[in-house]
C-alpha atoms as a PDB file:
ATOM      1  CA  MET A   1       0.023   0.028   0.038  1.00  0.00           C
ATOM      2  CA  SER A   2       1.631   3.373  -1.209  1.00  0.00           C
ATOM      3  CA  ALA A   3       1.722   6.327   1.337  1.00  0.00           C
ATOM      4  CA  THR A   4      -1.194   7.995  -0.425  1.00  0.00           C
ATOM      5  CA  GLU A   5      -3.356   5.037   0.416  1.00  0.00           C
ATOM      6  CA  GLN A   6      -2.781   5.220   4.113  1.00  0.00           C
ATOM      7  CA  PRO A   7      -5.715   6.638   6.403  1.00  0.00           C
ATOM      8  CA  GLY A   8      -3.398   9.367   7.682  1.00  0.00           C
ATOM      9  CA  TRP A   9      -2.399  10.775   4.189  1.00  0.00           C
ATOM     10  CA  PRO A  10      -5.288  13.436   4.108  1.00  0.00           C
ATOM     11  CA  LYS A  11      -4.361  14.702   7.531  1.00  0.00           C
ATOM     12  CA  PHE A  12      -0.634  14.615   6.411  1.00  0.00           C
ATOM     13  CA  VAL A  13      -1.422  16.684   3.288  1.00  0.00           C
ATOM     14  CA  GLU A  14      -3.591  19.155   5.298  1.00  0.00           C
ATOM     15  CA  VAL A  15      -0.867  19.627   7.921  1.00  0.00           C
ATOM     16  CA  VAL A  16       1.871  19.945   5.446  1.00  0.00           C
ATOM     17  CA  GLY A  17      -0.169  22.967   3.866  1.00  0.00           C
ATOM     18  CA  SER A  18      -0.422  24.477   7.259  1.00  0.00           C
ATOM     19  CA  VAL A  19       3.386  24.384   7.842  1.00  0.00           C
ATOM     20  CA  PHE A  20       3.881  26.058   4.703  1.00  0.00           C
ATOM     21  CA  ARG A  21       1.424  28.714   5.402  1.00  0.00           C
ATOM     22  CA  GLN A  22       3.344  29.323   8.535  1.00  0.00           C
ATOM     23  CA  TRP A  23       6.860  29.558   6.883  1.00  0.00           C
ATOM     24  CA  THR A  24       7.779  33.278   6.912  1.00  0.00           C
ATOM     25  CA  ALA A  25      10.623  32.766   4.250  1.00  0.00           C
ATOM     26  CA  PHE A  26       8.161  30.953   2.055  1.00  0.00           C
ATOM     27  CA  HIS A  27       5.683  33.885   2.186  1.00  0.00           C
ATOM     28  CA  LEU A  28       8.333  36.397   1.568  1.00  0.00           C
ATOM     29  CA  ALA A  29       9.275  34.613  -1.579  1.00  0.00           C
ATOM     30  CA  VAL A  30       5.691  34.223  -2.852  1.00  0.00           C
ATOM     31  CA  GLU A  31       4.171  37.654  -1.490  1.00  0.00           C
ATOM     32  CA  GLN A  32       6.959  39.918  -2.856  1.00  0.00           C
ATOM     33  CA  GLN A  33       7.107  37.774  -6.057  1.00  0.00           C
ATOM     34  CA  TRP A  34      10.649  37.020  -6.026  1.00  0.00           C
ATOM     35  CA  GLY A  35      10.163  34.238  -8.621  1.00  0.00           C
ATOM     36  CA  GLY A  36       8.201  36.802 -10.922  1.00  0.00           C
ATOM     37  CA  LEU A  37       4.652  36.947 -11.693  1.00  0.00           C
ATOM     38  CA  SER A  38       4.281  33.242 -11.533  1.00  0.00           C
ATOM     39  CA  SER A  39       5.752  33.493  -7.934  1.00  0.00           C
ATOM     40  CA  GLY A  40       2.314  31.974  -6.646  1.00  0.00           C
ATOM     41  CA  GLN A  41       2.268  29.063  -9.058  1.00  0.00           C
ATOM     42  CA  LYS A  42       5.844  28.193  -7.961  1.00  0.00           C
ATOM     43  CA  GLY A  43       4.933  28.204  -4.507  1.00  0.00           C
ATOM     44  CA  GLU A  44       2.072  25.714  -5.153  1.00  0.00           C
ATOM     45  CA  LYS A  45       4.673  23.481  -7.232  1.00  0.00           C
ATOM     46  CA  MET A  46       6.986  23.661  -4.277  1.00  0.00           C
ATOM     47  CA  LEU A  47       4.373  22.381  -2.016  1.00  0.00           C
ATOM     48  CA  HIS A  48       3.101  19.378  -4.485  1.00  0.00           C
ATOM     49  CA  ASP A  49       6.744  18.429  -5.075  1.00  0.00           C
ATOM     50  CA  ALA A  50       7.474  18.279  -1.353  1.00  0.00           C
ATOM     51  CA  LEU A  51       4.169  15.952  -1.132  1.00  0.00           C
ATOM     52  CA  THR A  52       5.416  14.076  -4.015  1.00  0.00           C
ATOM     53  CA  PHE A  53       8.741  13.100  -2.245  1.00  0.00           C
ATOM     54  CA  PHE A  54       6.589  11.380   0.174  1.00  0.00           C
ATOM     55  CA  ALA A  55       4.061   9.943  -2.104  1.00  0.00           C
ATOM     56  CA  GLN A  56       6.953   8.180  -4.114  1.00  0.00           C
ATOM     57  CA  SER A  57       8.696   7.086  -0.768  1.00  0.00           C
ATOM     58  CA  THR A  58       8.719   3.647   0.641  1.00  0.00           C
ATOM     59  CA  PRO A  59       9.712   2.103   4.060  1.00  0.00           C
ATOM     60  CA  GLN A  60      12.933   1.079   2.382  1.00  0.00           C
ATOM     61  CA  ASP A  61      13.665   4.488   0.973  1.00  0.00           C
ATOM     62  CA  PRO A  62      12.264   6.845   3.446  1.00  0.00           C
ATOM     63  CA  VAL A  63      12.402  10.690   2.912  1.00  0.00           C
ATOM     64  CA  TYR A  64      15.041  12.152   5.322  1.00  0.00           C
ATOM     65  CA  ALA A  65      15.213  15.722   6.702  1.00  0.00           C
ATOM     66  CA  ASP A  66      18.459  16.458   5.220  1.00  0.00           C
ATOM     67  CA  GLU A  67      17.497  15.670   1.475  1.00  0.00           C
ATOM     68  CA  LEU A  68      14.031  17.609   2.123  1.00  0.00           C
ATOM     69  CA  SER A  69      15.772  20.646   3.523  1.00  0.00           C
ATOM     70  CA  ASP A  70      18.443  20.575   0.677  1.00  0.00           C
ATOM     71  CA  PHE A  71      15.354  20.308  -1.964  1.00  0.00           C
ATOM     72  CA  PHE A  72      13.786  23.665  -0.084  1.00  0.00           C
ATOM     73  CA  GLU A  73      17.024  25.467  -0.217  1.00  0.00           C
ATOM     74  CA  ASP A  74      17.571  24.736  -4.118  1.00  0.00           C
ATOM     75  CA  THR A  75      14.185  25.384  -4.875  1.00  0.00           C
ATOM     76  CA  LEU A  76      14.052  28.822  -3.285  1.00  0.00           C
ATOM     77  CA  VAL A  77      17.226  29.699  -5.082  1.00  0.00           C
ATOM     78  CA  GLU A  78      16.217  28.360  -8.283  1.00  0.00           C
ATOM     79  CA  SER A  79      12.676  29.519  -8.536  1.00  0.00           C
ATOM     80  CA  PHE A  80      12.822  32.604  -6.202  1.00  0.00           C
ATOM     81  CA  ALA A  81      16.420  33.681  -6.457  1.00  0.00           C
ATOM     82  CA  CYS A  82      16.161  33.593  -2.553  1.00  0.00           C
ATOM     83  CA  ASP A  83      18.983  31.971  -0.231  1.00  0.00           C
ATOM     84  CA  ALA A  84      17.240  31.607   3.066  1.00  0.00           C
ATOM     85  CA  GLU A  85      19.935  31.959   5.720  1.00  0.00           C
ATOM     86  CA  ASP A  86      17.629  31.574   8.832  1.00  0.00           C
ATOM     87  CA  GLY A  87      17.608  27.843   9.162  1.00  0.00           C
ATOM     88  CA  SER A  88      14.058  27.829   8.242  1.00  0.00           C
ATOM     89  CA  CYS A  89      14.521  25.368   5.543  1.00  0.00           C
ATOM     90  CA  ARG A  90      15.911  22.738   8.043  1.00  0.00           C
ATOM     91  CA  GLU A  91      13.227  23.479  10.543  1.00  0.00           C
ATOM     92  CA  VAL A  92      10.379  22.954   8.004  1.00  0.00           C
ATOM     93  CA  ALA A  93      11.895  19.905   6.705  1.00  0.00           C
ATOM     94  CA  GLU A  94      12.165  18.256  10.117  1.00  0.00           C
ATOM     95  CA  ALA A  95       8.683  19.248  11.139  1.00  0.00           C
ATOM     96  CA  ILE A  96       7.181  17.752   7.822  1.00  0.00           C
ATOM     97  CA  VAL A  97       9.200  14.426   8.025  1.00  0.00           C
ATOM     98  CA  ARG A  98       7.979  14.175  11.686  1.00  0.00           C
ATOM     99  CA  GLN A  99       4.316  14.717  10.796  1.00  0.00           C
ATOM    100  CA  PHE A 100       4.498  12.081   7.943  1.00  0.00           C
ATOM    101  CA  THR A 101       5.868   9.667  10.689  1.00  0.00           C
ATOM    102  CA  MET A 102       2.942  10.765  13.277  1.00  0.00           C
ATOM    103  CA  CYS A 103      -0.021  10.890  10.628  1.00  0.00           C
ATOM    104  CA  VAL A 104       0.737   8.161   7.917  1.00  0.00           C
ATOM    105  CA  VAL A 105       2.990   5.859   9.763  1.00  0.00           C
ATOM    106  CA  ASN A 106       1.653   5.880  13.176  1.00  0.00           C
ATOM    107  CA  GLY A 107      -1.920   7.203  12.627  1.00  0.00           C
ATOM    108  CA  THR A 108      -1.730   9.577  15.633  1.00  0.00           C
ATOM    109  CA  PHE A 109      -3.227  13.157  14.699  1.00  0.00           C
ATOM    110  CA  ALA A 110      -2.992  15.016  17.921  1.00  0.00           C
ATOM    111  CA  GLU A 111       0.122  17.047  17.139  1.00  0.00           C
ATOM    112  CA  ALA A 112      -1.156  17.776  13.554  1.00  0.00           C
ATOM    113  CA  ASP A 113      -4.556  19.313  14.802  1.00  0.00           C
ATOM    114  CA  GLN A 114      -2.670  21.479  16.992  1.00  0.00           C
ATOM    115  CA  ILE A 115      -0.584  22.739  14.301  1.00  0.00           C
ATOM    116  CA  ILE A 116      -3.608  23.083  11.778  1.00  0.00           C
ATOM    117  CA  ALA A 117      -5.456  24.719  14.833  1.00  0.00           C
ATOM    118  CA  GLN A 118      -2.977  27.584  15.268  1.00  0.00           C
ATOM    119  CA  ALA A 119      -2.101  27.849  11.361  1.00  0.00           C
ATOM    120  CA  PRO A 120      -4.618  30.961  10.693  1.00  0.00           C
ATOM    121  CA  GLU A 121      -2.948  33.183  13.369  1.00  0.00           C
ATOM    122  CA  ALA A 122       0.734  31.992  12.590  1.00  0.00           C
ATOM    123  CA  ALA A 123      -0.094  32.422   8.826  1.00  0.00           C
ATOM    124  CA  ALA A 124      -1.294  35.919   9.373  1.00  0.00           C
ATOM    125  CA  ARG A 125       1.730  36.704  11.320  1.00  0.00           C
ATOM    126  CA  ALA A 126       3.995  35.250   8.639  1.00  0.00           C
ATOM    127  CA  LEU A 127       2.110  37.207   6.033  1.00  0.00           C
ATOM    128  CA  GLN A 128       2.396  40.408   7.965  1.00  0.00           C
ATOM    129  CA  GLN A 129       6.017  39.849   8.352  1.00  0.00           C
ATOM    130  CA  SER A 130       6.333  39.215   4.537  1.00  0.00           C
ATOM    131  CA  GLN A 131       4.597  42.404   3.751  1.00  0.00           C
ATOM    132  CA  THR A 132       6.705  44.448   5.898  1.00  0.00           C
ATOM    133  CA  VAL A 133      10.332  43.252   6.075  1.00  0.00           C
ATOM    134  CA  PRO A 134      12.317  45.288   3.581  1.00  0.00           C
ATOM    135  CA  ASP A 135      14.205  43.983   0.352  1.00  0.00           C
ATOM    136  CA  ASP A 136      17.557  44.519   2.136  1.00  0.00           C
ATOM    137  CA  GLU A 137      16.941  42.018   5.255  1.00  0.00           C
ATOM    138  CA  SER A 138      18.612  38.595   5.712  1.00  0.00           C
ATOM    139  CA  ALA A 139      15.655  36.666   3.848  1.00  0.00           C
ATOM    140  CA  SER A 140      15.869  39.019   0.732  1.00  0.00           C
ATOM    141  CA  LEU A 141      17.648  38.438  -2.587  1.00  0.00           C
ATOM    142  CA  PRO A 142      21.442  37.833  -2.282  1.00  0.00           C
ATOM    143  CA  GLU A 143      23.652  39.791  -4.493  1.00  0.00           C
ATOM    144  CA  SER A 144      24.828  36.906  -6.214  1.00  0.00           C
ATOM    145  CA  ALA A 145      21.288  35.795  -6.894  1.00  0.00           C
ATOM    146  CA  GLU A 146      20.066  38.946  -8.432  1.00  0.00           C
ATOM    147  CA  ALA A 147      21.723  38.230 -11.878  1.00  0.00           C
ATOM    148  CA  SER A 148      19.711  34.845 -11.850  1.00  0.00           C
ATOM    149  CA  MET A 149      16.473  36.989 -12.022  1.00  0.00           C
ATOM    150  CA  ASP A 150      17.290  37.911 -15.496  1.00  0.00           C
ATOM    151  CA  GLU A 151      15.775  36.330 -18.409  1.00  0.00           C
ATOM    152  CA  SER A 152      19.052  35.173 -19.727  1.00  0.00           C
ATOM    153  CA  ALA A 153      19.989  33.336 -16.649  1.00  0.00           C
ATOM    154  CA  GLY A 154      16.521  31.219 -16.358  1.00  0.00           C
ATOM    155  CA  PRO A 155      16.284  27.758 -14.998  1.00  0.00           C
ATOM    156  CA  VAL A 156      17.802  24.966 -16.621  1.00  0.00           C
ATOM    157  CA  LEU A 157      15.241  23.086 -19.065  1.00  0.00           C
ATOM    158  CA  ASP A 158      15.535  19.578 -20.084  1.00  0.00           C
ATOM    159  CA  GLU A 159      14.628  18.366 -23.729  1.00  0.00           C
ATOM    160  CA  ASP A 160      10.857  18.465 -23.125  1.00  0.00           C
ATOM    161  CA  GLY A 161      10.878  21.877 -21.599  1.00  0.00           C
ATOM    162  CA  PHE A 162      10.540  20.807 -18.025  1.00  0.00           C
ATOM    163  CA  GLN A 163      12.611  22.407 -15.175  1.00  0.00           C
ATOM    164  CA  MET A 164      15.466  20.347 -14.193  1.00  0.00           C
ATOM    165  CA  VAL A 165      15.923  19.748 -10.561  1.00  0.00           C
ATOM    166  CA  VAL A 166      19.581  20.066  -9.380  1.00  0.00           C
ATOM    167  CA  GLY A 167      21.160  20.505  -6.021  1.00  0.00           C
ATOM    168  CA  LYS A 168      22.448  18.871  -3.076  1.00  0.00           C
ATOM    169  CA  SER A 169      19.498  16.213  -3.050  1.00  0.00           C
ATOM    170  CA  ASN A 170      19.908  15.444  -6.754  1.00  0.00           C
ATOM    171  CA  ARG A 171      18.825  11.944  -6.586  1.00  0.00           C
ATOM    172  CA  ARG A 172      15.684  12.239  -4.797  1.00  0.00           C
ATOM    173  CA  GLN A 173      14.834  15.592  -6.663  1.00  0.00           C
ATOM    174  CA  GLN A 174      15.413  13.755  -9.945  1.00  0.00           C
ATOM    175  CA  GLN A 175      13.256  10.755  -8.849  1.00  0.00           C
ATOM    176  CA  VAL A 176      10.615  13.500  -8.194  1.00  0.00           C
ATOM    177  CA  HIS A 177      11.196  15.113 -11.611  1.00  0.00           C
ATOM    178  CA  GLU A 178      10.874  11.782 -13.464  1.00  0.00           C
ATOM    179  CA  ALA A 179       8.058  10.455 -11.334  1.00  0.00           C
ATOM    180  CA  ALA A 180       6.025  13.485 -11.993  1.00  0.00           C
ATOM    181  CA  GLN A 181       5.731  12.843 -15.600  1.00  0.00           C
ATOM    182  CA  ALA A 182       4.630   9.102 -15.040  1.00  0.00           C
ATOM    183  CA  PRO A 183       1.002   7.994 -15.061  1.00  0.00           C
ATOM    184  CA  GLN A 184       1.060   6.857 -11.706  1.00  0.00           C
ATOM    185  CA  ALA A 185       2.719   9.871 -10.326  1.00  0.00           C
ATOM    186  CA  GLN A 186       0.131  12.030 -12.000  1.00  0.00           C
ATOM    187  CA  ALA A 187      -2.486   9.747 -10.431  1.00  0.00           C
ATOM    188  CA  ASP A 188      -0.634  10.311  -6.911  1.00  0.00           C
ATOM    189  CA  VAL A 189      -0.727  14.232  -7.609  1.00  0.00           C
ATOM    190  CA  ALA A 190      -4.482  14.016  -8.470  1.00  0.00           C
ATOM    191  CA  ALA A 191      -4.963  11.821  -5.050  1.00  0.00           C
ATOM    192  CA  VAL A 192      -3.255  14.769  -3.475  1.00  0.00           C
ATOM    193  CA  GLN A 193      -5.395  17.379  -4.918  1.00  0.00           C
ATOM    194  CA  GLU A 194      -8.497  15.039  -4.259  1.00  0.00           C
ATOM    195  CA  ALA A 195      -7.384  14.662  -0.791  1.00  0.00           C
ATOM    196  CA  GLN A 196      -6.981  18.397  -0.215  1.00  0.00           C
ATOM    197  CA  ALA A 197     -10.462  19.041  -1.966  1.00  0.00           C
ATOM    198  CA  HIS A 198     -12.012  16.353   0.306  1.00  0.00           C
ATOM    199  CA  ARG A 199     -10.542  17.859   3.352  1.00  0.00           C
ATOM    200  CA  GLN A 200     -11.816  21.316   2.368  1.00  0.00           C
ATOM    201  CA  ALA A 201     -15.138  19.829   1.813  1.00  0.00           C
ATOM    202  CA  GLN A 202     -15.103  18.159   5.233  1.00  0.00           C
ATOM    203  CA  LEU A 203     -14.234  21.095   6.919  1.00  0.00           C
ATOM    204  CA  ALA A 204     -16.599  23.216   5.227  1.00  0.00           C
ATOM    205  CA  GLN A 205     -19.340  20.490   6.218  1.00  0.00           C
ATOM    206  CA  GLN A 206     -17.924  20.545   9.912  1.00  0.00           C
ATOM    207  CA  GLN A 207     -18.281  24.308   9.716  1.00  0.00           C
ATOM    208  CA  HIS A 208     -21.753  24.373   8.480  1.00  0.00           C
ATOM    209  CA  ALA A 209     -22.636  21.467  11.175  1.00  0.00           C
ATOM    210  CA  LEU A 210     -21.173  23.525  14.010  1.00  0.00           C
ATOM    211  CA  GLU A 211     -23.097  26.649  12.650  1.00  0.00           C
ATOM    212  CA  THR A 212     -26.454  24.787  12.762  1.00  0.00           C
ATOM    213  CA  GLN A 213     -25.615  23.563  16.084  1.00  0.00           C
ATOM    214  CA  ARG A 214     -24.821  26.925  17.161  1.00  0.00           C
ATOM    215  CA  GLN A 215     -28.105  28.219  15.916  1.00  0.00           C
ATOM    216  CA  GLN A 216     -30.107  25.217  17.385  1.00  0.00           C
ATOM    217  CA  GLU A 217     -28.451  25.927  20.861  1.00  0.00           C
ATOM    218  CA  LEU A 218     -29.392  29.572  20.440  1.00  0.00           C
ATOM    219  CA  ILE A 219     -33.084  28.775  19.901  1.00  0.00           C
ATOM    220  CA  ALA A 220     -33.061  26.127  22.576  1.00  0.00           C
ATOM    221  CA  GLN A 221     -31.593  28.955  24.875  1.00  0.00           C
ATOM    222  CA  GLN A 222     -34.335  31.355  23.893  1.00  0.00           C
ATOM    223  CA  GLN A 223     -36.965  28.830  24.498  1.00  0.00           C
ATOM    224  CA  GLN A 224     -35.558  27.932  27.866  1.00  0.00           C
ATOM    225  CA  GLN A 225     -35.677  31.638  28.681  1.00  0.00           C
ATOM    226  CA  GLN A 226     -39.251  32.321  27.537  1.00  0.00           C
ATOM    227  CA  GLN A 227     -40.045  29.072  29.364  1.00  0.00           C
ATOM    228  CA  ALA A 228     -38.488  30.495  32.511  1.00  0.00           C
ATOM    229  CA  GLN A 229     -40.195  33.702  32.134  1.00  0.00           C
ATOM    230  CA  GLN A 230     -43.678  31.865  31.731  1.00  0.00           C
ATOM    231  CA  GLN A 231     -43.049  29.768  34.901  1.00  0.00           C
ATOM    232  CA  MET A 232     -42.086  33.015  36.960  1.00  0.00           C
ATOM    233  CA  VAL A 233     -45.328  34.777  35.768  1.00  0.00           C
ATOM    234  CA  TYR A 234     -47.143  31.644  36.704  1.00  0.00           C
ATOM    235  CA  ALA A 235     -45.664  31.608  40.221  1.00  0.00           C
ATOM    236  CA  GLN A 236     -46.505  35.210  40.537  1.00  0.00           C
ATOM    237  CA  GLN A 237     -50.200  34.588  39.676  1.00  0.00           C
ATOM    238  CA  GLN A 238     -50.334  31.704  41.974  1.00  0.00           C
ATOM    239  CA  GLN A 239     -48.799  33.752  44.743  1.00  0.00           C
ATOM    240  CA  GLN A 240     -51.396  36.401  44.201  1.00  0.00           C
ATOM    241  CA  LEU A 241     -54.139  33.883  44.051  1.00  0.00           C
ATOM    242  CA  LEU A 242     -52.922  32.548  47.418  1.00  0.00           C
ATOM    243  CA  GLN A 243     -52.792  35.846  49.035  1.00  0.00           C
ATOM    244  CA  GLN A 244     -56.381  36.644  47.955  1.00  0.00           C
ATOM    245  CA  GLN A 245     -57.380  33.332  49.211  1.00  0.00           C
ATOM    246  CA  GLN A 246     -55.782  33.981  52.374  1.00  0.00           C
ATOM    247  CA  GLN A 247     -57.346  37.570  52.768  1.00  0.00           C
ATOM    248  CA  GLN A 248     -60.883  35.954  51.725  1.00  0.00           C
ATOM    249  CA  GLN A 249     -60.469  33.457  54.517  1.00  0.00           C
ATOM    250  CA  GLN A 250     -59.491  36.048  57.058  1.00  0.00           C
ATOM    251  CA  GLU A 251     -62.531  38.283  56.245  1.00  0.00           C
ATOM    252  CA  GLU A 252     -64.691  35.171  56.518  1.00  0.00           C
ATOM    253  CA  GLU A 253     -63.183  34.322  59.892  1.00  0.00           C
ATOM    254  CA  ALA A 254     -63.691  37.993  61.137  1.00  0.00           C
ATOM    255  CA  ALA A 255     -67.261  37.810  59.680  1.00  0.00           C
ATOM    256  CA  ARG A 256     -67.907  34.657  61.769  1.00  0.00           C
ATOM    257  CA  ALA A 257     -66.483  36.055  64.773  1.00  0.00           C
ATOM    258  CA  MET A 258     -68.439  39.029  64.644  1.00  0.00           C
ATOM    259  CA  ALA A 259     -71.701  37.186  64.211  1.00  0.00           C
ATOM    260  CA  ALA A 260     -71.041  35.011  67.174  1.00  0.00           C
ATOM    261  CA  GLN A 261     -70.263  38.127  69.158  1.00  0.00           C
ATOM    262  CA  ALA A 262     -73.427  39.551  68.324  1.00  0.00           C
ATOM    263  CA  GLN A 263     -75.375  36.256  68.834  1.00  0.00           C
ATOM    264  CA  ALA A 264     -73.737  36.078  72.303  1.00  0.00           C
ATOM    265  CA  GLU A 265     -74.698  39.497  73.114  1.00  0.00           C
ATOM    266  CA  ALA A 266     -78.365  39.049  71.929  1.00  0.00           C
ATOM    267  CA  GLU A 267     -78.327  35.952  74.289  1.00  0.00           C
ATOM    268  CA  ALA A 268     -76.991  37.940  77.215  1.00  0.00           C
ATOM    269  CA  GLU A 269     -79.670  40.477  76.557  1.00  0.00           C
ATOM    270  CA  MET A 270     -82.357  37.935  76.348  1.00  0.00           C
ATOM    271  CA  GLN A 271     -81.083  36.480  79.660  1.00  0.00           C
ATOM    272  CA  ARG A 272     -81.221  39.870  81.443  1.00  0.00           C
ATOM    273  CA  GLN A 273     -84.571  40.399  80.264  1.00  0.00           C
ATOM    274  CA  ARG A 274     -85.928  37.187  81.915  1.00  0.00           C
ATOM    275  CA  VAL A 275     -84.262  38.087  85.117  1.00  0.00           C
ATOM    276  CA  LEU A 276     -86.013  41.382  85.066  1.00  0.00           C
ATOM    277  CA  ASP A 277     -89.290  40.045  84.030  1.00  0.00           C
ATOM    278  CA  GLU A 278     -89.153  37.426  87.097  1.00  0.00           C
ATOM    279  CA  ILE A 279     -88.461  40.299  89.581  1.00  0.00           C
END
């Protein structure tokens, strides 16, 4: 079973996208168009090529952080004329290799979910940095690379017109280049894109479900408040009725007491009259 057929592959694809979105040097190269007007497409290709490394890997021939870091460094230089001197290529490579082991090999997603959750805030911060860092900072164009931006110093092309991948990790990069032209590789890339689309659809469904649940909870809360208000009004009405009944009972008892007193006084008067009559 290939890596793309593993249950954890969609999660790995998602977390790799999150890692790329948090990569400041990558944002600098893409947002400031160091690779020309097609910088966005070059950035997407860099992401897909990185995924292809793992799609073509096997347990006997795994992807190592060293070669992935070399690929990032070579691609930044060749596609964007950018020499990343901040060590981020190595950090990103190690993070991606670790997530492949966690998601695809071990099937554990806790760490990936944490990276994905913090991606929007971290990506916004990286984007802000890419928009504010001046061109003469350490992550900007090196003097030796400025000439490579000239059209006459473009990338090296093979006989089919495809850009050749050269550099420290030439063996793996050449495998990716050759595999990208094979039907199986095209199917793997399509599987990657399908996994991304499927994940996005799942996220949209989850968002819709959460919104629906939130609306239902809000309606239920409003109904509970209305029911509580009705119960309060009913309790007040019952209290008023009880007070009225008590008042009526007190008035009846007072009336009975007055009647009893009047009757006693009448009997006493009658008794007094009989005594007078006997005298």
